């Protein structure tokens, strides 16, 4: 591993299969409850939806760094191998409860020219920026059920400091601005069911 490059994927001696999720283009494939299905399939900005259903919404940045993409995501952003990307991880918090763990990757070659704002977001919402920019093309949503061995579930649990009951439902979407690709994965945490109730 190169100096300064972070690889948080779990050690899997036999294969990479445990680090990969099976992603589907239709939500029926993940057998979500009606309430979870509404969160997964809504085409509006998740940030705006969470803001409208909570008294206090904020983005908590957990990490933003150069790292290697996960085994089930590097091909989505046009990489032939797990070469370095810019990675961002945040909790979306409603009334101080983390309800979504969001993970974003951008190939390093695209960051400076195509996503000039990415490196300076801090604790501002990426979703607001994506939905507010007419130059951003949004791809088709994909859905998955993630188990405890998936790296994103492990990272979410580590940041929370507590185990989570799995599977957790997740969705991801590819965005394009000019020639640059950006992949956002959103993992819905159990507290999501208390939002807006």
N, C-alpha and C. Protein backbone atom coordinates (compact mmCIF):
# COMPACT_ATOMS: atom_id res chain seq x y z
N UNK A 1 0.85 -1.18 0.00
CA UNK A 1 0.00 0.00 0.00
C UNK A 1 0.88 1.24 0.00
N UNK A 2 0.54 2.23 -0.79
CA UNK A 2 1.32 3.45 -0.87
C UNK A 2 1.21 4.23 0.42
N UNK A 3 2.23 5.01 0.72
CA UNK A 3 2.23 5.82 1.93
C UNK A 3 1.09 6.83 1.88
N UNK A 4 0.36 6.95 2.97
CA UNK A 4 -0.72 7.92 3.05
C UNK A 4 -2.03 7.43 2.46
N UNK A 5 -2.06 6.25 1.92
CA UNK A 5 -3.26 5.72 1.30
C UNK A 5 -3.95 4.79 2.28
N UNK A 6 -5.23 5.01 2.49
CA UNK A 6 -5.98 4.26 3.50
C UNK A 6 -6.81 3.18 2.83
N UNK A 7 -6.74 1.97 3.36
CA UNK A 7 -7.57 0.87 2.88
C UNK A 7 -8.27 0.27 4.08
N UNK A 8 -9.57 0.58 4.23
CA UNK A 8 -10.33 0.13 5.38
C UNK A 8 -11.15 -1.12 5.10
N UNK A 9 -10.96 -1.74 3.94
CA UNK A 9 -11.71 -2.94 3.64
C UNK A 9 -11.29 -4.06 4.58
N UNK A 10 -12.22 -4.96 4.95
CA UNK A 10 -11.87 -6.04 5.86
C UNK A 10 -10.94 -7.04 5.21
N UNK A 11 -10.19 -7.77 6.03
CA UNK A 11 -9.30 -8.81 5.53
C UNK A 11 -10.12 -10.06 5.26
N UNK A 12 -10.11 -10.50 4.01
CA UNK A 12 -10.92 -11.66 3.62
C UNK A 12 -10.01 -12.70 2.99
N UNK A 13 -9.60 -13.69 3.72
CA UNK A 13 -8.59 -14.62 3.24
C UNK A 13 -9.01 -15.48 2.06
N UNK A 14 -10.29 -15.85 1.96
CA UNK A 14 -10.68 -16.79 0.92
C UNK A 14 -11.12 -16.10 -0.37
N UNK A 15 -11.91 -15.06 -0.26
CA UNK A 15 -12.38 -14.37 -1.46
C UNK A 15 -12.83 -12.98 -1.08
N UNK A 16 -13.18 -12.21 -2.10
CA UNK A 16 -13.69 -10.87 -1.86
C UNK A 16 -15.21 -10.88 -1.71
N UNK A 17 -15.86 -12.01 -1.79
CA UNK A 17 -17.33 -12.05 -1.86
C UNK A 17 -17.99 -11.45 -0.63
N UNK A 18 -17.38 -11.60 0.54
CA UNK A 18 -17.99 -11.08 1.75
C UNK A 18 -17.93 -9.55 1.78
N UNK A 19 -17.02 -8.96 1.04
CA UNK A 19 -16.89 -7.51 1.00
C UNK A 19 -17.78 -6.89 -0.06
N UNK A 20 -18.45 -7.71 -0.84
CA UNK A 20 -19.28 -7.20 -1.92
C UNK A 20 -20.75 -7.33 -1.57
N UNK A 21 -21.52 -6.37 -2.02
CA UNK A 21 -22.97 -6.46 -1.92
C UNK A 21 -23.52 -6.85 -3.28
N UNK A 22 -24.69 -7.42 -3.28
CA UNK A 22 -25.38 -7.68 -4.53
C UNK A 22 -26.34 -6.52 -4.75
N UNK A 23 -26.10 -5.76 -5.79
CA UNK A 23 -26.89 -4.57 -6.08
C UNK A 23 -27.92 -4.88 -7.15
N UNK A 24 -29.13 -4.35 -6.95
CA UNK A 24 -30.25 -4.61 -7.85
C UNK A 24 -30.81 -3.30 -8.39
N UNK A 25 -31.31 -3.36 -9.60
CA UNK A 25 -31.90 -2.17 -10.22
C UNK A 25 -33.36 -1.96 -9.84
N UNK A 26 -33.99 -2.96 -9.22
CA UNK A 26 -35.37 -2.81 -8.79
C UNK A 26 -35.47 -3.10 -7.30
N UNK A 27 -36.21 -2.25 -6.60
CA UNK A 27 -36.29 -2.35 -5.15
C UNK A 27 -36.97 -3.63 -4.68
N UNK A 28 -37.81 -4.24 -5.51
CA UNK A 28 -38.49 -5.48 -5.11
C UNK A 28 -37.49 -6.58 -4.74
N UNK A 29 -36.31 -6.52 -5.33
CA UNK A 29 -35.32 -7.59 -5.12
C UNK A 29 -34.77 -7.62 -3.70
N UNK A 30 -34.89 -6.51 -2.95
CA UNK A 30 -34.31 -6.49 -1.60
C UNK A 30 -35.36 -6.74 -0.52
N UNK A 31 -36.63 -6.89 -0.91
CA UNK A 31 -37.70 -7.25 0.03
C UNK A 31 -37.78 -6.30 1.23
N UNK A 32 -37.83 -5.02 0.93
CA UNK A 32 -37.92 -4.01 1.98
C UNK A 32 -39.37 -3.85 2.43
N UNK A 33 -39.53 -3.42 3.67
CA UNK A 33 -40.87 -3.11 4.17
C UNK A 33 -41.41 -1.89 3.42
N UNK A 34 -42.73 -1.68 3.44
CA UNK A 34 -43.28 -0.50 2.75
C UNK A 34 -42.66 0.81 3.22
N UNK A 35 -42.42 0.94 4.52
CA UNK A 35 -41.83 2.17 5.05
C UNK A 35 -40.40 2.36 4.54
N UNK A 36 -39.61 1.28 4.57
CA UNK A 36 -38.24 1.38 4.06
C UNK A 36 -38.23 1.59 2.55
N UNK A 37 -39.14 0.98 1.88
CA UNK A 37 -39.24 1.13 0.42
C UNK A 37 -39.43 2.60 0.04
N UNK A 38 -40.24 3.31 0.83
CA UNK A 38 -40.46 4.74 0.57
C UNK A 38 -39.16 5.52 0.66
N UNK A 39 -38.33 5.20 1.66
CA UNK A 39 -37.04 5.88 1.79
C UNK A 39 -36.10 5.52 0.63
N UNK A 40 -36.10 4.25 0.26
CA UNK A 40 -35.17 3.79 -0.77
C UNK A 40 -35.48 4.36 -2.15
N UNK A 41 -36.74 4.48 -2.47
CA UNK A 41 -37.12 4.80 -3.85
C UNK A 41 -37.42 6.27 -4.10
N UNK A 42 -37.50 7.07 -3.07
CA UNK A 42 -37.86 8.48 -3.25
C UNK A 42 -36.81 9.17 -4.12
N UNK A 43 -37.27 9.90 -5.12
CA UNK A 43 -36.36 10.53 -6.07
C UNK A 43 -35.99 11.96 -5.68
N UNK A 44 -36.56 12.49 -4.62
CA UNK A 44 -36.20 13.83 -4.19
C UNK A 44 -34.90 13.76 -3.39
N UNK A 45 -34.33 14.91 -3.11
CA UNK A 45 -33.11 14.97 -2.31
C UNK A 45 -33.37 14.40 -0.92
N UNK A 46 -32.54 13.44 -0.52
CA UNK A 46 -32.67 12.85 0.81
C UNK A 46 -32.46 13.91 1.89
N UNK A 47 -31.53 14.82 1.65
CA UNK A 47 -31.29 15.90 2.60
C UNK A 47 -32.55 16.72 2.83
N UNK A 48 -33.23 17.11 1.76
CA UNK A 48 -34.44 17.91 1.90
C UNK A 48 -35.54 17.13 2.60
N UNK A 49 -35.64 15.86 2.31
CA UNK A 49 -36.67 15.03 2.94
C UNK A 49 -36.41 14.91 4.44
N UNK A 50 -35.17 14.68 4.82
CA UNK A 50 -34.83 14.57 6.23
C UNK A 50 -35.03 15.90 6.95
N UNK A 51 -34.65 16.99 6.29
CA UNK A 51 -34.85 18.32 6.89
C UNK A 51 -36.33 18.59 7.17
N UNK A 52 -37.17 18.19 6.23
CA UNK A 52 -38.60 18.48 6.37
C UNK A 52 -39.26 17.65 7.47
N UNK A 53 -38.59 16.58 7.90
CA UNK A 53 -39.19 15.68 8.89
C UNK A 53 -38.49 15.73 10.24
N UNK A 54 -37.65 16.71 10.44
CA UNK A 54 -36.96 16.81 11.72
C UNK A 54 -36.87 18.28 12.14
N UNK A 55 -36.70 18.48 13.43
CA UNK A 55 -36.54 19.84 13.95
C UNK A 55 -35.14 20.37 13.67
N UNK A 56 -34.16 19.48 13.80
CA UNK A 56 -32.77 19.89 13.59
C UNK A 56 -32.06 18.83 12.75
N UNK A 57 -31.59 19.24 11.59
CA UNK A 57 -30.85 18.34 10.69
C UNK A 57 -29.43 18.85 10.56
N UNK A 58 -28.47 17.92 10.53
CA UNK A 58 -27.10 18.32 10.24
C UNK A 58 -26.32 17.18 9.61
N UNK A 59 -25.27 17.55 8.91
CA UNK A 59 -24.31 16.60 8.33
C UNK A 59 -23.11 16.54 9.26
N UNK A 60 -22.77 15.34 9.68
CA UNK A 60 -21.58 15.13 10.50
C UNK A 60 -20.52 14.44 9.65
N UNK A 61 -19.47 15.16 9.31
CA UNK A 61 -18.41 14.56 8.51
C UNK A 61 -17.57 13.64 9.38
N UNK A 62 -17.42 12.41 8.93
CA UNK A 62 -16.60 11.42 9.64
C UNK A 62 -15.19 11.35 9.07
N UNK A 63 -15.08 11.43 7.75
CA UNK A 63 -13.77 11.34 7.10
C UNK A 63 -13.87 11.90 5.69
N UNK A 64 -12.77 12.48 5.23
CA UNK A 64 -12.62 12.85 3.82
C UNK A 64 -11.14 12.72 3.52
N UNK A 65 -10.82 11.80 2.62
CA UNK A 65 -9.42 11.41 2.43
C UNK A 65 -9.25 10.65 1.12
N UNK A 66 -8.00 10.43 0.78
CA UNK A 66 -7.68 9.54 -0.33
C UNK A 66 -7.69 8.11 0.20
N UNK A 67 -8.29 7.22 -0.55
CA UNK A 67 -8.39 5.83 -0.13
C UNK A 67 -8.64 4.96 -1.35
N UNK A 68 -8.64 3.67 -1.14
CA UNK A 68 -9.00 2.76 -2.22
C UNK A 68 -10.51 2.49 -2.16
N UNK A 69 -11.17 2.46 -3.32
CA UNK A 69 -12.61 2.17 -3.32
C UNK A 69 -12.88 0.74 -2.88
N UNK A 70 -14.11 0.48 -2.53
CA UNK A 70 -14.50 -0.87 -2.13
C UNK A 70 -14.54 -1.79 -3.34
N UNK A 71 -14.55 -3.09 -3.06
CA UNK A 71 -14.54 -4.08 -4.14
C UNK A 71 -15.81 -4.04 -4.98
N UNK A 72 -16.93 -3.55 -4.41
CA UNK A 72 -18.17 -3.54 -5.18
C UNK A 72 -18.51 -2.17 -5.74
N UNK A 73 -17.51 -1.25 -5.80
CA UNK A 73 -17.85 0.08 -6.31
C UNK A 73 -16.87 0.66 -7.33
N UNK A 74 -15.63 0.16 -7.40
CA UNK A 74 -14.66 0.86 -8.25
C UNK A 74 -15.04 0.84 -9.72
N UNK A 75 -15.65 -0.25 -10.20
CA UNK A 75 -16.03 -0.31 -11.61
C UNK A 75 -17.14 0.67 -11.96
N UNK A 76 -17.96 1.03 -10.96
CA UNK A 76 -19.07 1.95 -11.21
C UNK A 76 -18.58 3.34 -11.61
N UNK A 77 -17.40 3.72 -11.15
CA UNK A 77 -16.87 5.04 -11.50
C UNK A 77 -15.81 4.96 -12.60
N UNK A 78 -15.84 3.86 -13.37
CA UNK A 78 -15.00 3.74 -14.56
C UNK A 78 -13.57 3.32 -14.30
N UNK A 79 -13.28 2.78 -13.11
CA UNK A 79 -11.92 2.33 -12.82
C UNK A 79 -11.77 0.85 -13.15
N UNK A 80 -10.65 0.48 -13.72
CA UNK A 80 -10.41 -0.91 -14.07
C UNK A 80 -9.83 -1.70 -12.89
N UNK A 81 -9.37 -0.98 -11.88
CA UNK A 81 -8.84 -1.62 -10.67
C UNK A 81 -9.07 -0.68 -9.50
N UNK A 82 -8.73 -1.13 -8.30
CA UNK A 82 -8.98 -0.34 -7.10
C UNK A 82 -7.90 0.71 -6.90
N UNK A 83 -7.83 1.65 -7.85
CA UNK A 83 -6.88 2.74 -7.73
C UNK A 83 -7.46 3.84 -6.86
N UNK A 84 -6.62 4.76 -6.47
CA UNK A 84 -6.97 5.75 -5.47
C UNK A 84 -8.15 6.63 -5.90
N UNK A 85 -9.00 6.96 -4.92
CA UNK A 85 -10.13 7.88 -5.10
C UNK A 85 -10.14 8.86 -3.93
N UNK A 86 -10.93 9.92 -4.10
CA UNK A 86 -11.28 10.76 -2.96
C UNK A 86 -12.53 10.15 -2.33
N UNK A 87 -12.51 10.01 -1.03
CA UNK A 87 -13.60 9.35 -0.32
C UNK A 87 -14.13 10.29 0.76
N UNK A 88 -15.45 10.28 0.90
CA UNK A 88 -16.09 11.11 1.93
C UNK A 88 -17.11 10.25 2.66
N UNK A 89 -17.12 10.32 3.99
CA UNK A 89 -18.06 9.56 4.80
C UNK A 89 -18.71 10.50 5.80
N UNK A 90 -20.04 10.44 5.88
CA UNK A 90 -20.78 11.32 6.80
C UNK A 90 -21.94 10.55 7.42
N UNK A 91 -22.40 11.06 8.56
CA UNK A 91 -23.69 10.70 9.10
C UNK A 91 -24.65 11.84 8.76
N UNK A 92 -25.86 11.50 8.35
CA UNK A 92 -26.95 12.46 8.28
C UNK A 92 -27.72 12.30 9.58
N UNK A 93 -27.82 13.38 10.34
CA UNK A 93 -28.40 13.30 11.68
C UNK A 93 -29.69 14.11 11.73
N UNK A 94 -30.72 13.50 12.30
CA UNK A 94 -31.99 14.17 12.54
C UNK A 94 -32.21 14.25 14.04
N UNK A 95 -32.34 15.47 14.55
CA UNK A 95 -32.54 15.67 15.99
C UNK A 95 -31.49 14.91 16.79
N UNK A 96 -30.27 15.00 16.30
CA UNK A 96 -29.06 14.45 16.90
C UNK A 96 -28.94 12.93 16.82
N UNK A 97 -29.83 12.28 16.07
CA UNK A 97 -29.71 10.82 15.88
C UNK A 97 -29.16 10.54 14.49
N UNK A 98 -28.09 9.75 14.36
CA UNK A 98 -27.63 9.35 13.03
C UNK A 98 -28.66 8.43 12.38
N UNK A 99 -29.17 8.84 11.24
CA UNK A 99 -30.21 8.04 10.57
C UNK A 99 -29.73 7.47 9.23
N UNK A 100 -28.69 8.06 8.65
CA UNK A 100 -28.13 7.57 7.39
C UNK A 100 -26.62 7.70 7.46
N UNK A 101 -25.94 6.65 7.01
CA UNK A 101 -24.49 6.69 6.82
C UNK A 101 -24.26 6.81 5.32
N UNK A 102 -23.60 7.87 4.89
CA UNK A 102 -23.40 8.10 3.45
C UNK A 102 -21.91 8.03 3.11
N UNK A 103 -21.64 7.37 2.01
CA UNK A 103 -20.27 7.12 1.55
C UNK A 103 -20.18 7.54 0.09
N UNK A 104 -19.23 8.41 -0.23
CA UNK A 104 -19.08 8.94 -1.59
C UNK A 104 -17.66 8.74 -2.06
N UNK A 105 -17.52 8.35 -3.33
CA UNK A 105 -16.18 8.28 -3.93
C UNK A 105 -16.16 9.05 -5.25
N UNK A 106 -15.01 9.66 -5.50
CA UNK A 106 -14.76 10.40 -6.74
C UNK A 106 -13.35 10.03 -7.20
N UNK A 107 -13.18 9.56 -8.45
CA UNK A 107 -11.82 9.32 -8.92
C UNK A 107 -10.97 10.58 -8.82
N UNK A 108 -9.73 10.42 -8.43
CA UNK A 108 -8.85 11.58 -8.24
C UNK A 108 -8.72 12.40 -9.51
N UNK A 109 -8.74 11.75 -10.65
CA UNK A 109 -8.59 12.46 -11.91
C UNK A 109 -9.74 13.40 -12.20
N UNK A 110 -10.91 13.18 -11.57
CA UNK A 110 -12.08 14.01 -11.85
C UNK A 110 -12.31 15.09 -10.80
N UNK A 111 -11.73 14.96 -9.64
CA UNK A 111 -12.08 15.82 -8.52
C UNK A 111 -11.88 17.30 -8.81
N UNK A 112 -10.71 17.68 -9.29
CA UNK A 112 -10.38 19.10 -9.41
C UNK A 112 -11.19 19.79 -10.50
N UNK A 113 -11.38 19.16 -11.64
CA UNK A 113 -12.03 19.82 -12.76
C UNK A 113 -13.54 19.67 -12.79
N UNK A 114 -14.03 18.49 -12.48
CA UNK A 114 -15.45 18.21 -12.65
C UNK A 114 -16.27 18.38 -11.37
N UNK A 115 -15.65 18.20 -10.23
CA UNK A 115 -16.34 18.36 -8.95
C UNK A 115 -15.53 19.34 -8.09
N UNK A 116 -15.45 20.61 -8.48
CA UNK A 116 -14.57 21.55 -7.79
C UNK A 116 -14.95 21.81 -6.34
N UNK A 117 -16.21 21.58 -5.99
CA UNK A 117 -16.68 21.85 -4.63
C UNK A 117 -16.42 20.69 -3.68
N UNK A 118 -16.11 19.50 -4.19
CA UNK A 118 -16.10 18.29 -3.38
C UNK A 118 -15.11 18.38 -2.21
N UNK A 119 -13.95 18.89 -2.46
CA UNK A 119 -12.92 18.93 -1.43
C UNK A 119 -13.15 19.95 -0.34
N UNK A 120 -14.11 20.85 -0.53
CA UNK A 120 -14.33 21.92 0.44
C UNK A 120 -15.73 21.87 1.06
N UNK A 121 -16.39 20.74 0.98
CA UNK A 121 -17.76 20.64 1.51
C UNK A 121 -17.81 20.78 3.03
N UNK A 122 -16.82 20.25 3.71
CA UNK A 122 -16.87 20.26 5.17
C UNK A 122 -18.11 19.52 5.66
N UNK A 123 -18.94 20.19 6.43
CA UNK A 123 -20.17 19.57 6.93
C UNK A 123 -21.40 20.10 6.20
N UNK A 124 -21.17 20.62 5.00
CA UNK A 124 -22.31 20.99 4.16
C UNK A 124 -22.82 19.75 3.43
N UNK A 125 -24.06 19.82 2.99
CA UNK A 125 -24.70 18.68 2.34
C UNK A 125 -24.25 18.52 0.89
N UNK A 126 -23.76 17.34 0.56
CA UNK A 126 -23.45 17.03 -0.84
C UNK A 126 -24.72 16.94 -1.66
N UNK A 127 -25.79 16.36 -1.08
CA UNK A 127 -27.04 16.17 -1.81
C UNK A 127 -27.63 17.47 -2.29
N UNK A 128 -27.59 18.50 -1.45
CA UNK A 128 -28.12 19.81 -1.85
C UNK A 128 -27.37 20.34 -3.07
N UNK A 129 -26.05 20.14 -3.08
CA UNK A 129 -25.23 20.59 -4.21
C UNK A 129 -25.57 19.81 -5.47
N UNK A 130 -25.70 18.49 -5.35
CA UNK A 130 -25.98 17.66 -6.53
C UNK A 130 -27.34 17.99 -7.14
N UNK A 131 -28.35 18.13 -6.31
CA UNK A 131 -29.69 18.38 -6.82
C UNK A 131 -29.87 19.83 -7.29
N UNK A 132 -29.00 20.73 -6.83
CA UNK A 132 -29.14 22.14 -7.20
C UNK A 132 -28.33 22.55 -8.41
N UNK A 133 -27.55 21.63 -8.97
CA UNK A 133 -26.68 21.96 -10.11
C UNK A 133 -27.26 21.35 -11.38
N UNK A 134 -27.71 22.18 -12.33
CA UNK A 134 -28.32 21.65 -13.56
C UNK A 134 -27.34 20.89 -14.45
N UNK A 135 -26.05 21.02 -14.17
CA UNK A 135 -25.04 20.30 -14.98
C UNK A 135 -24.82 18.87 -14.49
N UNK A 136 -25.48 18.50 -13.40
CA UNK A 136 -25.30 17.16 -12.84
C UNK A 136 -26.34 16.21 -13.41
N UNK A 137 -25.86 15.11 -13.98
CA UNK A 137 -26.73 14.03 -14.47
C UNK A 137 -26.82 12.96 -13.40
N UNK A 138 -28.03 12.49 -13.14
CA UNK A 138 -28.25 11.50 -12.09
C UNK A 138 -28.60 10.16 -12.72
N UNK A 139 -27.91 9.12 -12.33
CA UNK A 139 -28.16 7.79 -12.86
C UNK A 139 -29.29 7.08 -12.15
N UNK A 140 -29.43 5.80 -12.44
CA UNK A 140 -30.50 4.98 -11.87
C UNK A 140 -30.11 4.51 -10.47
N UNK A 141 -31.06 4.53 -9.56
CA UNK A 141 -30.82 4.02 -8.22
C UNK A 141 -30.63 2.50 -8.25
N UNK A 142 -29.74 2.02 -7.38
CA UNK A 142 -29.55 0.59 -7.17
C UNK A 142 -29.73 0.31 -5.68
N UNK A 143 -30.14 -0.92 -5.36
CA UNK A 143 -30.54 -1.25 -3.99
C UNK A 143 -29.83 -2.51 -3.51
N UNK A 144 -29.58 -2.57 -2.20
CA UNK A 144 -28.92 -3.75 -1.64
C UNK A 144 -29.31 -3.91 -0.18
N UNK A 145 -29.13 -5.15 0.31
CA UNK A 145 -29.21 -5.46 1.74
C UNK A 145 -27.78 -5.76 2.18
N UNK A 146 -27.30 -5.05 3.17
CA UNK A 146 -25.91 -5.21 3.60
C UNK A 146 -25.85 -5.93 4.94
N UNK A 147 -24.96 -6.93 5.01
CA UNK A 147 -24.75 -7.67 6.24
C UNK A 147 -23.61 -7.10 7.05
N UNK A 148 -23.34 -7.72 8.18
CA UNK A 148 -22.34 -7.19 9.10
C UNK A 148 -20.92 -7.24 8.54
N UNK A 149 -20.68 -8.06 7.53
CA UNK A 149 -19.33 -8.15 6.98
C UNK A 149 -19.05 -7.13 5.89
N UNK A 150 -20.07 -6.42 5.46
CA UNK A 150 -19.82 -5.41 4.43
C UNK A 150 -19.06 -4.24 5.04
N UNK A 151 -18.05 -3.72 4.34
CA UNK A 151 -17.22 -2.65 4.90
C UNK A 151 -18.01 -1.42 5.36
N UNK A 152 -19.05 -1.05 4.64
CA UNK A 152 -19.79 0.15 5.04
C UNK A 152 -20.56 -0.07 6.34
N UNK A 153 -21.06 -1.26 6.55
CA UNK A 153 -21.72 -1.56 7.81
C UNK A 153 -20.70 -1.55 8.94
N UNK A 154 -19.54 -2.11 8.70
CA UNK A 154 -18.49 -2.10 9.72
C UNK A 154 -18.07 -0.68 10.07
N UNK A 155 -17.95 0.16 9.05
CA UNK A 155 -17.54 1.55 9.32
C UNK A 155 -18.63 2.31 10.08
N UNK A 156 -19.88 2.09 9.69
CA UNK A 156 -20.98 2.75 10.40
C UNK A 156 -21.01 2.33 11.86
N UNK A 157 -20.84 1.03 12.12
CA UNK A 157 -20.84 0.56 13.50
C UNK A 157 -19.66 1.11 14.28
N UNK A 158 -18.51 1.19 13.65
CA UNK A 158 -17.33 1.74 14.33
C UNK A 158 -17.55 3.21 14.69
N UNK A 159 -18.16 3.97 13.77
CA UNK A 159 -18.40 5.39 14.04
C UNK A 159 -19.46 5.58 15.12
N UNK A 160 -20.44 4.69 15.14
CA UNK A 160 -21.49 4.76 16.16
C UNK A 160 -21.01 4.26 17.51
N UNK A 161 -20.05 3.35 17.47
CA UNK A 161 -19.57 2.73 18.70
C UNK A 161 -20.52 1.70 19.25
N UNK A 162 -21.35 1.13 18.37
CA UNK A 162 -22.33 0.15 18.83
C UNK A 162 -22.67 -0.80 17.67
N UNK A 163 -23.00 -2.05 17.97
CA UNK A 163 -23.40 -2.97 16.90
C UNK A 163 -24.77 -2.59 16.35
N UNK A 164 -25.02 -3.02 15.13
CA UNK A 164 -26.30 -2.76 14.48
C UNK A 164 -26.92 -4.08 14.06
N UNK A 165 -28.22 -4.15 14.17
CA UNK A 165 -28.93 -5.34 13.69
C UNK A 165 -29.00 -5.28 12.18
N UNK A 166 -28.59 -6.33 11.53
CA UNK A 166 -28.57 -6.37 10.07
C UNK A 166 -29.57 -7.41 9.57
N UNK A 167 -29.93 -7.36 8.28
CA UNK A 167 -29.33 -6.52 7.25
C UNK A 167 -29.79 -5.07 7.34
N UNK A 168 -28.93 -4.19 6.81
CA UNK A 168 -29.29 -2.79 6.63
C UNK A 168 -29.56 -2.56 5.15
N UNK A 169 -30.56 -1.76 4.87
CA UNK A 169 -30.89 -1.46 3.48
C UNK A 169 -30.06 -0.27 3.00
N UNK A 170 -29.65 -0.35 1.75
CA UNK A 170 -28.81 0.70 1.17
C UNK A 170 -29.25 0.97 -0.26
N UNK A 171 -28.93 2.15 -0.70
CA UNK A 171 -29.12 2.48 -2.11
C UNK A 171 -27.88 3.26 -2.56
N UNK A 172 -27.66 3.23 -3.87
CA UNK A 172 -26.56 4.01 -4.39
C UNK A 172 -26.94 4.59 -5.74
N UNK A 173 -26.24 5.66 -6.10
CA UNK A 173 -26.55 6.34 -7.37
C UNK A 173 -25.27 6.93 -7.93
N UNK A 174 -25.13 6.83 -9.24
CA UNK A 174 -23.99 7.40 -9.95
C UNK A 174 -24.38 8.77 -10.49
N UNK A 175 -23.50 9.73 -10.31
CA UNK A 175 -23.72 11.09 -10.83
C UNK A 175 -22.59 11.44 -11.78
N UNK A 176 -22.94 12.26 -12.78
CA UNK A 176 -21.92 12.73 -13.73
C UNK A 176 -22.03 14.25 -13.85
N UNK A 177 -20.89 14.89 -13.81
CA UNK A 177 -20.81 16.33 -14.06
C UNK A 177 -19.67 16.53 -15.03
N UNK A 178 -19.98 17.07 -16.22
CA UNK A 178 -19.02 17.09 -17.32
C UNK A 178 -18.57 15.65 -17.59
N UNK A 179 -17.30 15.34 -17.42
CA UNK A 179 -16.81 13.97 -17.66
C UNK A 179 -16.54 13.23 -16.36
N UNK A 180 -16.76 13.88 -15.24
CA UNK A 180 -16.43 13.28 -13.95
C UNK A 180 -17.56 12.48 -13.36
N UNK A 181 -17.24 11.32 -12.79
CA UNK A 181 -18.22 10.45 -12.14
C UNK A 181 -18.07 10.52 -10.63
N UNK A 182 -19.19 10.36 -9.95
CA UNK A 182 -19.22 10.40 -8.49
C UNK A 182 -20.27 9.38 -8.05
N UNK A 183 -19.93 8.54 -7.09
CA UNK A 183 -20.85 7.50 -6.62
C UNK A 183 -21.19 7.76 -5.16
N UNK A 184 -22.49 7.85 -4.89
CA UNK A 184 -22.98 8.06 -3.52
C UNK A 184 -23.74 6.81 -3.08
N UNK A 185 -23.33 6.26 -1.94
CA UNK A 185 -24.04 5.14 -1.32
C UNK A 185 -24.61 5.60 0.01
N UNK A 186 -25.89 5.33 0.22
CA UNK A 186 -26.57 5.72 1.46
C UNK A 186 -27.06 4.47 2.17
N UNK A 187 -26.60 4.29 3.40
CA UNK A 187 -26.99 3.15 4.22
C UNK A 187 -27.96 3.65 5.28
N UNK A 188 -29.17 3.10 5.29
CA UNK A 188 -30.20 3.57 6.21
C UNK A 188 -30.06 2.84 7.55
N UNK A 189 -29.88 3.63 8.59
CA UNK A 189 -29.69 3.10 9.93
C UNK A 189 -31.04 2.88 10.61
N UNK A 190 -31.11 2.03 11.64
CA UNK A 190 -32.40 1.74 12.28
C UNK A 190 -33.16 2.97 12.75
N UNK A 191 -32.47 4.03 13.14
CA UNK A 191 -33.13 5.25 13.63
C UNK A 191 -33.96 5.94 12.57
N UNK A 192 -33.80 5.56 11.30
CA UNK A 192 -34.59 6.19 10.24
C UNK A 192 -36.07 6.00 10.46
N UNK A 193 -36.46 4.92 11.12
CA UNK A 193 -37.88 4.64 11.31
C UNK A 193 -38.54 5.58 12.32
N UNK A 194 -37.72 6.31 13.08
CA UNK A 194 -38.27 7.28 14.03
C UNK A 194 -38.41 8.66 13.43
N UNK A 195 -37.89 8.87 12.23
CA UNK A 195 -37.93 10.18 11.61
C UNK A 195 -39.34 10.51 11.16
N UNK A 196 -39.81 11.66 11.58
CA UNK A 196 -41.13 12.12 11.15
C UNK A 196 -42.28 11.45 11.82
N UNK A 197 -42.01 10.70 12.92
CA UNK A 197 -43.10 10.02 13.60
C UNK A 197 -43.51 10.78 14.85
